[in-house]
Every structure is written in C-alpha cells, then in structure tokens.
Amino acid sequence: MALMLTENPRLINRSNGVEEIGVPEIDTGLLMSLLDESQSEEYCNEEQITSLMESLEAEIRMLENGFTSLWQETYDTAIYN
C-alpha cells in the first residue's frame, strides 16, 4: 500500500523518511515453489526452462549470500551522498 504524506507528517516537514523503509525478507522456499509450479508450461522447449531455472537459482543464491545487504549499502550510499 502506498504511503501518503498525510499518513506521515514527518514527510511533509521534509524530514528523511527513508530510514523507515525496510527491505522485505525474501522467502526462498516460496520462490522455489513458484518456479516448480505449472507457470513453466508457457515455455515451449526444455532449453528455455533450463535457462529460466538457472537464472532464478542464481538470483536465490545471491540473496542467500547477502546480496540484499550489498544492495542496501549501495542504495544507502546513493541516497545519502
């Protein structure tokens, strides 16, 4: 749900509301179950399915290995500099 300025008066007063924005935890089990579901039927050959699975597995591994914290550091640096 979008945060409206009237819901958070500090944003109206030009205070930095970025500190309140959190990065959601990603449920890798949920991602894997979505990958296993029949959505892959949209792909017409096994090569495309294999490529999709490898791509998603690589993204999950990056998230499990702290990629999210690296992204947050990069984001914070860009915002506060």
C-alpha atoms as a PDB file:
ATOM      1  CA  MET A   1       0.000   0.000   0.000  1.00  0.00           C
ATOM      2  CA  ALA A   2       1.337   3.439  -0.861  1.00  0.00           C
ATOM      3  CA  LEU A   3       2.344   5.763   1.938  1.00  0.00           C
ATOM      4  CA  MET A   4       0.508   9.034   1.688  1.00  0.00           C
ATOM      5  CA  LEU A   5       2.046  12.240   3.017  1.00  0.00           C
ATOM      6  CA  THR A   6      -0.970  12.815   5.230  1.00  0.00           C
ATOM      7  CA  GLU A   7      -0.283   9.470   6.884  1.00  0.00           C
ATOM      8  CA  ASN A   8       3.241  10.512   7.877  1.00  0.00           C
ATOM      9  CA  PRO A   9       3.571  14.183   8.901  1.00  0.00           C
ATOM     10  CA  ARG A  10       7.391  13.943   9.091  1.00  0.00           C
ATOM     11  CA  LEU A  11       7.493  13.624   5.302  1.00  0.00           C
ATOM     12  CA  ILE A  12       5.571  16.870   4.995  1.00  0.00           C
ATOM     13  CA  ASN A  13       8.107  18.565   7.296  1.00  0.00           C
ATOM     14  CA  ARG A  14      10.916  17.476   4.935  1.00  0.00           C
ATOM     15  CA  SER A  15      12.405  15.019   7.393  1.00  0.00           C
ATOM     16  CA  ASN A  16      14.042  11.998   5.863  1.00  0.00           C
ATOM     17  CA  GLY A  17      11.553   9.140   5.883  1.00  0.00           C
ATOM     18  CA  VAL A  18      13.931   6.793   4.054  1.00  0.00           C
ATOM     19  CA  GLU A  19      15.185   5.276   7.300  1.00  0.00           C
ATOM     20  CA  GLU A  20      11.724   3.834   7.823  1.00  0.00           C
ATOM     21  CA  ILE A  21      11.732   1.930   4.530  1.00  0.00           C
ATOM     22  CA  GLY A  22      12.742  -1.657   5.104  1.00  0.00           C
ATOM     23  CA  VAL A  23      13.854  -4.302   2.661  1.00  0.00           C
ATOM     24  CA  PRO A  24      11.397  -7.186   2.871  1.00  0.00           C
ATOM     25  CA  GLU A  25      12.691 -10.631   3.696  1.00  0.00           C
ATOM     26  CA  ILE A  26      12.524 -12.915   0.696  1.00  0.00           C
ATOM     27  CA  ASP A  27      11.172 -16.404   1.231  1.00  0.00           C
ATOM     28  CA  THR A  28      13.399 -18.538  -0.978  1.00  0.00           C
ATOM     29  CA  GLY A  29      11.162 -21.555  -0.378  1.00  0.00           C
ATOM     30  CA  LEU A  30       8.252 -19.638  -1.833  1.00  0.00           C
ATOM     31  CA  LEU A  31      10.323 -18.606  -4.845  1.00  0.00           C
ATOM     32  CA  MET A  32      11.337 -22.201  -5.471  1.00  0.00           C
ATOM     33  CA  SER A  33       7.748 -23.434  -5.177  1.00  0.00           C
ATOM     34  CA  LEU A  34       6.627 -20.810  -7.678  1.00  0.00           C
ATOM     35  CA  LEU A  35       9.371 -21.949 -10.005  1.00  0.00           C
ATOM     36  CA  ASP A  36       8.196 -25.559  -9.710  1.00  0.00           C
ATOM     37  CA  GLU A  37       4.570 -24.722 -10.486  1.00  0.00           C
ATOM     38  CA  SER A  38       2.972 -25.017 -13.874  1.00  0.00           C
ATOM     39  CA  GLN A  39       3.917 -21.491 -14.906  1.00  0.00           C
ATOM     40  CA  SER A  40       6.864 -23.007 -16.720  1.00  0.00           C
ATOM     41  CA  GLU A  41       4.381 -24.511 -19.203  1.00  0.00           C
ATOM     42  CA  GLU A  42       4.471 -21.165 -21.005  1.00  0.00           C
ATOM     43  CA  TYR A  43       7.939 -22.017 -22.299  1.00  0.00           C
ATOM     44  CA  CYS A  44       7.999 -24.079 -25.442  1.00  0.00           C
ATOM     45  CA  ASN A  45      11.227 -26.039 -25.021  1.00  0.00           C
ATOM     46  CA  GLU A  46      13.438 -27.534 -22.359  1.00  0.00           C
ATOM     47  CA  GLU A  47      16.365 -25.218 -23.145  1.00  0.00           C
ATOM     48  CA  GLN A  48      14.308 -22.166 -22.177  1.00  0.00           C
ATOM     49  CA  ILE A  49      13.089 -23.865 -18.993  1.00  0.00           C
ATOM     50  CA  THR A  50      16.648 -24.793 -18.031  1.00  0.00           C
ATOM     51  CA  SER A  51      17.811 -21.234 -18.662  1.00  0.00           C
ATOM     52  CA  LEU A  52      14.978 -19.815 -16.562  1.00  0.00           C
ATOM     53  CA  MET A  53      15.676 -22.201 -13.682  1.00  0.00           C
ATOM     54  CA  GLU A  54      19.413 -21.464 -13.714  1.00  0.00           C
ATOM     55  CA  SER A  55      18.734 -17.740 -13.696  1.00  0.00           C
ATOM     56  CA  LEU A  56      16.311 -17.941 -10.774  1.00  0.00           C
ATOM     57  CA  GLU A  57      18.589 -20.285  -8.827  1.00  0.00           C
ATOM     58  CA  ALA A  58      21.492 -17.838  -9.288  1.00  0.00           C
ATOM     59  CA  GLU A  59      19.333 -14.982  -8.002  1.00  0.00           C
ATOM     60  CA  ILE A  60      18.271 -17.040  -4.984  1.00  0.00           C
ATOM     61  CA  ARG A  61      21.905 -17.919  -4.207  1.00  0.00           C
ATOM     62  CA  MET A  62      22.870 -14.233  -4.387  1.00  0.00           C
ATOM     63  CA  LEU A  63      20.074 -13.371  -1.959  1.00  0.00           C
ATOM     64  CA  GLU A  64      21.057 -16.158   0.407  1.00  0.00           C
ATOM     65  CA  ASN A  65      24.687 -14.984   0.334  1.00  0.00           C
ATOM     66  CA  GLY A  66      23.937 -11.437   1.389  1.00  0.00           C
ATOM     67  CA  PHE A  67      23.288  -9.740  -1.934  1.00  0.00           C
ATOM     68  CA  THR A  68      20.381  -7.925  -0.283  1.00  0.00           C
ATOM     69  CA  SER A  69      22.708  -6.283   2.244  1.00  0.00           C
ATOM     70  CA  LEU A  70      25.081  -5.274  -0.568  1.00  0.00           C
ATOM     71  CA  TRP A  71      22.146  -3.758  -2.462  1.00  0.00           C
ATOM     72  CA  GLN A  72      21.068  -1.892   0.676  1.00  0.00           C
ATOM     73  CA  GLU A  73      24.593  -0.478   1.176  1.00  0.00           C
ATOM     74  CA  THR A  74      24.677   0.682  -2.454  1.00  0.00           C
ATOM     75  CA  TYR A  75      21.202   2.186  -2.140  1.00  0.00           C
ATOM     76  CA  ASP A  76      22.104   3.982   1.109  1.00  0.00           C
ATOM     77  CA  THR A  77      25.295   5.363  -0.458  1.00  0.00           C
ATOM     78  CA  ALA A  78      23.367   6.682  -3.458  1.00  0.00           C
ATOM     79  CA  ILE A  79      20.654   8.249  -1.298  1.00  0.00           C
ATOM     80  CA  TYR A  80      22.844   9.876   1.352  1.00  0.00           C
ATOM     81  CA  ASN A  81      25.712  11.148  -0.838  1.00  0.00           C
END
